[in-house]
């Protein structure tokens, strides 16, 4: 649609994504019927349906815990909203950081997080905290109602089955990259 076209094929989608057209058809069939054999896929319709499936057809409120250098970079990143996410609150337990402004937000005291999670309706949190406090922070987030956590700490969190955690550990990525060095 961005190229002014209304229709695409599984072959073209596969070529763009580096997978077979058969895999495209199989994957899409898990979610319903999106195209017609010999006609292809209506691009605007397919995009809307995929946004609904991926639940990015709305803006998700996200809270950020940790107002240090990493938290500051995350809070100031301008690309979240166009992809369906908005950082609505930033928290820290460092009294010197509480009250400071990061991006458009004032850093709030971590002690207020349970109330603020309720007020914002956030179900997603980003943790930019040291490993030694990460589990305690996660426990508090879960008690507050957070069910999805993006964790930058180099630790594996213990969480209930209904909570989903994604980890970003730069060392793992560096190790992956060194494998490909000549």
C-alpha atoms as a PDB file:
ATOM      1  CA  UNK A   1       0.000   0.000   0.000  1.00  0.00           C
ATOM      2  CA  UNK A   2       2.910   2.348   0.689  1.00  0.00           C
ATOM      3  CA  UNK A   3       3.908   1.965  -2.965  1.00  0.00           C
ATOM      4  CA  UNK A   4       0.383   2.818  -4.128  1.00  0.00           C
ATOM      5  CA  UNK A   5      -0.502  -0.807  -4.798  1.00  0.00           C
ATOM      6  CA  UNK A   6      -3.631  -2.502  -3.512  1.00  0.00           C
ATOM      7  CA  UNK A   7      -2.754  -6.187  -4.022  1.00  0.00           C
ATOM      8  CA  UNK A   8       0.254  -8.418  -3.379  1.00  0.00           C
ATOM      9  CA  UNK A   9       0.951 -12.132  -3.705  1.00  0.00           C
ATOM     10  CA  UNK A  10       2.291 -14.742  -1.313  1.00  0.00           C
ATOM     11  CA  UNK A  11       5.249 -15.070  -3.678  1.00  0.00           C
ATOM     12  CA  UNK A  12       6.056 -11.367  -3.375  1.00  0.00           C
ATOM     13  CA  UNK A  13       5.573 -11.374   0.410  1.00  0.00           C
ATOM     14  CA  UNK A  14       7.798 -14.429   0.715  1.00  0.00           C
ATOM     15  CA  UNK A  15      10.520 -12.825  -1.400  1.00  0.00           C
ATOM     16  CA  UNK A  16      10.457  -9.688   0.770  1.00  0.00           C
ATOM     17  CA  UNK A  17      10.650 -11.738   3.978  1.00  0.00           C
ATOM     18  CA  UNK A  18      13.076 -14.393   2.785  1.00  0.00           C
ATOM     19  CA  UNK A  19      10.647 -17.301   3.197  1.00  0.00           C
ATOM     20  CA  UNK A  20       8.646 -19.424   0.783  1.00  0.00           C
ATOM     21  CA  UNK A  21       5.241 -18.427  -0.559  1.00  0.00           C
ATOM     22  CA  UNK A  22       3.916 -21.728   0.834  1.00  0.00           C
ATOM     23  CA  UNK A  23       5.058 -20.700   4.325  1.00  0.00           C
ATOM     24  CA  UNK A  24       3.324 -17.322   3.929  1.00  0.00           C
ATOM     25  CA  UNK A  25       0.060 -19.038   2.970  1.00  0.00           C
ATOM     26  CA  UNK A  26       0.385 -21.579   5.791  1.00  0.00           C
ATOM     27  CA  UNK A  27       1.152 -18.955   8.431  1.00  0.00           C
ATOM     28  CA  UNK A  28      -1.695 -16.670   7.368  1.00  0.00           C
ATOM     29  CA  UNK A  29      -4.144 -19.586   7.213  1.00  0.00           C
ATOM     30  CA  UNK A  30      -3.777 -20.022  10.989  1.00  0.00           C
ATOM     31  CA  UNK A  31      -5.621 -16.728  11.420  1.00  0.00           C
ATOM     32  CA  UNK A  32      -8.293 -16.983   8.720  1.00  0.00           C
ATOM     33  CA  UNK A  33      -8.613 -16.327   5.017  1.00  0.00           C
ATOM     34  CA  UNK A  34      -6.953 -13.172   3.764  1.00  0.00           C
ATOM     35  CA  UNK A  35      -6.528 -13.700   0.039  1.00  0.00           C
ATOM     36  CA  UNK A  36      -7.911 -15.507  -2.962  1.00  0.00           C
ATOM     37  CA  UNK A  37      -5.998 -17.995  -5.047  1.00  0.00           C
ATOM     38  CA  UNK A  38      -4.909 -16.340  -8.267  1.00  0.00           C
ATOM     39  CA  UNK A  39      -5.877 -12.879  -6.987  1.00  0.00           C
ATOM     40  CA  UNK A  40      -3.566 -12.345  -4.024  1.00  0.00           C
ATOM     41  CA  UNK A  41      -3.942 -10.300  -0.875  1.00  0.00           C
ATOM     42  CA  UNK A  42      -5.599  -6.904  -0.538  1.00  0.00           C
ATOM     43  CA  UNK A  43      -2.763  -4.973   1.117  1.00  0.00           C
ATOM     44  CA  UNK A  44      -4.774  -2.487   3.230  1.00  0.00           C
ATOM     45  CA  UNK A  45      -7.098  -5.250   4.466  1.00  0.00           C
ATOM     46  CA  UNK A  46      -4.191  -7.601   5.234  1.00  0.00           C
ATOM     47  CA  UNK A  47      -2.372  -4.843   7.140  1.00  0.00           C
ATOM     48  CA  UNK A  48      -5.463  -4.050   9.245  1.00  0.00           C
ATOM     49  CA  UNK A  49      -6.038  -7.724  10.030  1.00  0.00           C
ATOM     50  CA  UNK A  50      -2.398  -8.322  10.984  1.00  0.00           C
ATOM     51  CA  UNK A  51      -2.485  -5.251  13.235  1.00  0.00           C
ATOM     52  CA  UNK A  52      -5.525  -6.728  15.016  1.00  0.00           C
ATOM     53  CA  UNK A  53      -3.891 -10.164  15.318  1.00  0.00           C
ATOM     54  CA  UNK A  54      -0.691  -8.644  16.707  1.00  0.00           C
ATOM     55  CA  UNK A  55      -2.768  -6.285  18.873  1.00  0.00           C
ATOM     56  CA  UNK A  56      -0.977  -3.211  17.546  1.00  0.00           C
ATOM     57  CA  UNK A  57      -4.194  -1.637  16.297  1.00  0.00           C
ATOM     58  CA  UNK A  58      -4.175   0.581  19.386  1.00  0.00           C
ATOM     59  CA  UNK A  59      -1.692   2.465  21.551  1.00  0.00           C
ATOM     60  CA  UNK A  60      -0.482   0.352  24.501  1.00  0.00           C
ATOM     61  CA  UNK A  61       0.506   2.240  27.665  1.00  0.00           C
ATOM     62  CA  UNK A  62       3.938   1.166  28.916  1.00  0.00           C
ATOM     63  CA  UNK A  63       5.650   1.984  32.185  1.00  0.00           C
ATOM     64  CA  UNK A  64       9.407   2.246  32.531  1.00  0.00           C
ATOM     65  CA  UNK A  65      11.295   1.396  35.710  1.00  0.00           C
ATOM     66  CA  UNK A  66      14.799   2.822  35.889  1.00  0.00           C
ATOM     67  CA  UNK A  67      15.700   6.439  35.139  1.00  0.00           C
ATOM     68  CA  UNK A  68      19.426   5.935  34.649  1.00  0.00           C
ATOM     69  CA  UNK A  69      21.243   6.217  31.330  1.00  0.00           C
ATOM     70  CA  UNK A  70      19.437   3.266  29.726  1.00  0.00           C
ATOM     71  CA  UNK A  71      16.044   4.345  31.049  1.00  0.00           C
ATOM     72  CA  UNK A  72      16.708   7.859  29.795  1.00  0.00           C
ATOM     73  CA  UNK A  73      17.497   6.554  26.311  1.00  0.00           C
ATOM     74  CA  UNK A  74      14.344   4.417  26.292  1.00  0.00           C
ATOM     75  CA  UNK A  75      12.135   7.274  27.524  1.00  0.00           C
ATOM     76  CA  UNK A  76      13.538   9.599  24.861  1.00  0.00           C
ATOM     77  CA  UNK A  77      13.196   7.131  21.982  1.00  0.00           C
ATOM     78  CA  UNK A  78      10.730   8.592  19.497  1.00  0.00           C
ATOM     79  CA  UNK A  79       9.788   5.431  17.647  1.00  0.00           C
ATOM     80  CA  UNK A  80       7.418   3.721  20.073  1.00  0.00           C
ATOM     81  CA  UNK A  81       4.181   5.550  19.389  1.00  0.00           C
ATOM     82  CA  UNK A  82       4.183   4.975  15.637  1.00  0.00           C
ATOM     83  CA  UNK A  83       4.453   1.255  16.425  1.00  0.00           C
ATOM     84  CA  UNK A  84       1.634   1.171  18.988  1.00  0.00           C
ATOM     85  CA  UNK A  85       3.359   1.854  22.318  1.00  0.00           C
ATOM     86  CA  UNK A  86       3.524   4.910  24.574  1.00  0.00           C
ATOM     87  CA  UNK A  87       5.685   5.241  27.678  1.00  0.00           C
ATOM     88  CA  UNK A  88       3.213   6.805  30.122  1.00  0.00           C
ATOM     89  CA  UNK A  89       5.265   6.849  33.327  1.00  0.00           C
ATOM     90  CA  UNK A  90       8.885   6.528  34.467  1.00  0.00           C
ATOM     91  CA  UNK A  91       9.845   5.313  37.945  1.00  0.00           C
ATOM     92  CA  UNK A  92      12.995   5.143  40.029  1.00  0.00           C
ATOM     93  CA  UNK A  93      13.816   4.616  43.705  1.00  0.00           C
ATOM     94  CA  UNK A  94      16.684   7.136  43.648  1.00  0.00           C
ATOM     95  CA  UNK A  95      15.341  10.242  45.401  1.00  0.00           C
ATOM     96  CA  UNK A  96      17.727  12.433  43.356  1.00  0.00           C
ATOM     97  CA  UNK A  97      16.107  11.246  40.110  1.00  0.00           C
ATOM     98  CA  UNK A  98      12.505  11.467  41.336  1.00  0.00           C
ATOM     99  CA  UNK A  99      10.984  14.724  40.089  1.00  0.00           C
ATOM    100  CA  UNK A 100      13.435  15.139  37.216  1.00  0.00           C
ATOM    101  CA  UNK A 101      12.049  15.222  33.687  1.00  0.00           C
ATOM    102  CA  UNK A 102      12.992  12.569  31.150  1.00  0.00           C
ATOM    103  CA  UNK A 103      11.574  13.157  27.710  1.00  0.00           C
ATOM    104  CA  UNK A 104       8.047  14.428  28.377  1.00  0.00           C
ATOM    105  CA  UNK A 105       7.661  12.649  31.728  1.00  0.00           C
ATOM    106  CA  UNK A 106       8.534  13.405  35.339  1.00  0.00           C
ATOM    107  CA  UNK A 107      10.321  10.568  37.117  1.00  0.00           C
ATOM    108  CA  UNK A 108       8.028   9.197  39.816  1.00  0.00           C
ATOM    109  CA  UNK A 109       8.868   7.417  43.052  1.00  0.00           C
ATOM    110  CA  UNK A 110       8.818   3.642  42.605  1.00  0.00           C
ATOM    111  CA  UNK A 111       6.782   3.426  45.830  1.00  0.00           C
ATOM    112  CA  UNK A 112       3.772   4.823  43.888  1.00  0.00           C
ATOM    113  CA  UNK A 113       3.919   2.277  41.093  1.00  0.00           C
ATOM    114  CA  UNK A 114       0.945   0.115  42.108  1.00  0.00           C
ATOM    115  CA  UNK A 115      -1.412   3.081  42.126  1.00  0.00           C
ATOM    116  CA  UNK A 116      -0.001   4.462  38.872  1.00  0.00           C
ATOM    117  CA  UNK A 117      -0.304   1.122  37.064  1.00  0.00           C
ATOM    118  CA  UNK A 118      -4.009   1.135  37.950  1.00  0.00           C
ATOM    119  CA  UNK A 119      -4.407   4.770  36.863  1.00  0.00           C
ATOM    120  CA  UNK A 120      -2.620   4.348  33.534  1.00  0.00           C
ATOM    121  CA  UNK A 121      -4.059   0.939  32.682  1.00  0.00           C
ATOM    122  CA  UNK A 122      -0.559  -0.239  31.759  1.00  0.00           C
ATOM    123  CA  UNK A 123      -0.053  -3.985  31.400  1.00  0.00           C
ATOM    124  CA  UNK A 124       3.434  -3.726  29.893  1.00  0.00           C
ATOM    125  CA  UNK A 125       6.606  -2.631  31.702  1.00  0.00           C
ATOM    126  CA  UNK A 126      10.216  -2.081  30.732  1.00  0.00           C
ATOM    127  CA  UNK A 127      12.811  -2.781  33.416  1.00  0.00           C
ATOM    128  CA  UNK A 128      16.084  -0.881  33.023  1.00  0.00           C
ATOM    129  CA  UNK A 129      17.382  -1.749  36.482  1.00  0.00           C
ATOM    130  CA  UNK A 130      20.462  -3.508  37.902  1.00  0.00           C
ATOM    131  CA  UNK A 131      20.344  -7.306  38.132  1.00  0.00           C
ATOM    132  CA  UNK A 132      20.500  -7.283  41.938  1.00  0.00           C
ATOM    133  CA  UNK A 133      17.097  -5.529  42.207  1.00  0.00           C
ATOM    134  CA  UNK A 134      15.424  -6.923  39.083  1.00  0.00           C
ATOM    135  CA  UNK A 135      13.538  -9.770  40.775  1.00  0.00           C
ATOM    136  CA  UNK A 136      12.128  -7.493  43.484  1.00  0.00           C
ATOM    137  CA  UNK A 137      11.096  -4.938  40.859  1.00  0.00           C
ATOM    138  CA  UNK A 138       9.441  -7.661  38.772  1.00  0.00           C
ATOM    139  CA  UNK A 139       7.563  -8.983  41.812  1.00  0.00           C
ATOM    140  CA  UNK A 140       6.208  -5.503  42.545  1.00  0.00           C
ATOM    141  CA  UNK A 141       5.244  -4.977  38.898  1.00  0.00           C
ATOM    142  CA  UNK A 142       3.359  -8.270  38.833  1.00  0.00           C
ATOM    143  CA  UNK A 143       1.563  -7.423  42.096  1.00  0.00           C
ATOM    144  CA  UNK A 144       0.559  -4.133  40.449  1.00  0.00           C
ATOM    145  CA  UNK A 145      -1.006  -5.936  37.481  1.00  0.00           C
ATOM    146  CA  UNK A 146       1.772  -5.932  34.892  1.00  0.00           C
ATOM    147  CA  UNK A 147       1.642  -9.078  32.726  1.00  0.00           C
ATOM    148  CA  UNK A 148       4.350  -8.360  30.121  1.00  0.00           C
ATOM    149  CA  UNK A 149       7.887  -7.326  31.038  1.00  0.00           C
ATOM    150  CA  UNK A 150      10.805  -6.296  28.849  1.00  0.00           C
ATOM    151  CA  UNK A 151      13.874  -6.906  31.023  1.00  0.00           C
ATOM    152  CA  UNK A 152      17.294  -5.401  30.293  1.00  0.00           C
ATOM    153  CA  UNK A 153      18.911  -6.909  33.410  1.00  0.00           C
ATOM    154  CA  UNK A 154      21.195  -9.914  32.815  1.00  0.00           C
ATOM    155  CA  UNK A 155      19.072 -12.209  34.981  1.00  0.00           C
ATOM    156  CA  UNK A 156      16.344 -14.786  34.460  1.00  0.00           C
ATOM    157  CA  UNK A 157      13.265 -13.696  36.368  1.00  0.00           C
ATOM    158  CA  UNK A 158      10.982 -16.090  38.223  1.00  0.00           C
ATOM    159  CA  UNK A 159       7.425 -15.148  37.274  1.00  0.00           C
ATOM    160  CA  UNK A 160       3.984 -16.789  37.342  1.00  0.00           C
ATOM    161  CA  UNK A 161       2.836 -18.611  34.180  1.00  0.00           C
ATOM    162  CA  UNK A 162       0.480 -15.786  33.138  1.00  0.00           C
ATOM    163  CA  UNK A 163       3.364 -13.267  32.952  1.00  0.00           C
ATOM    164  CA  UNK A 164       5.429 -13.032  29.773  1.00  0.00           C
ATOM    165  CA  UNK A 165       9.029 -11.790  29.942  1.00  0.00           C
ATOM    166  CA  UNK A 166      11.299 -10.796  27.058  1.00  0.00           C
ATOM    167  CA  UNK A 167      14.996 -10.299  27.735  1.00  0.00           C
ATOM    168  CA  UNK A 168      17.483  -7.975  26.093  1.00  0.00           C
ATOM    169  CA  UNK A 169      21.031  -8.823  27.115  1.00  0.00           C
ATOM    170  CA  UNK A 170      23.597  -7.083  24.878  1.00  0.00           C
ATOM    171  CA  UNK A 171      26.293  -9.644  25.782  1.00  0.00           C
ATOM    172  CA  UNK A 172      24.205 -12.434  24.238  1.00  0.00           C
ATOM    173  CA  UNK A 173      23.852 -10.363  21.073  1.00  0.00           C
ATOM    174  CA  UNK A 174      27.597  -9.650  21.001  1.00  0.00           C
ATOM    175  CA  UNK A 175      28.300 -13.373  21.353  1.00  0.00           C
ATOM    176  CA  UNK A 176      25.909 -14.085  18.510  1.00  0.00           C
ATOM    177  CA  UNK A 177      27.669 -11.480  16.358  1.00  0.00           C
ATOM    178  CA  UNK A 178      31.170 -12.802  17.057  1.00  0.00           C
ATOM    179  CA  UNK A 179      30.120 -16.175  15.687  1.00  0.00           C
ATOM    180  CA  UNK A 180      29.743 -14.526  12.274  1.00  0.00           C
ATOM    181  CA  UNK A 181      33.037 -12.629  12.335  1.00  0.00           C
ATOM    182  CA  UNK A 182      35.559 -13.847   9.780  1.00  0.00           C
END
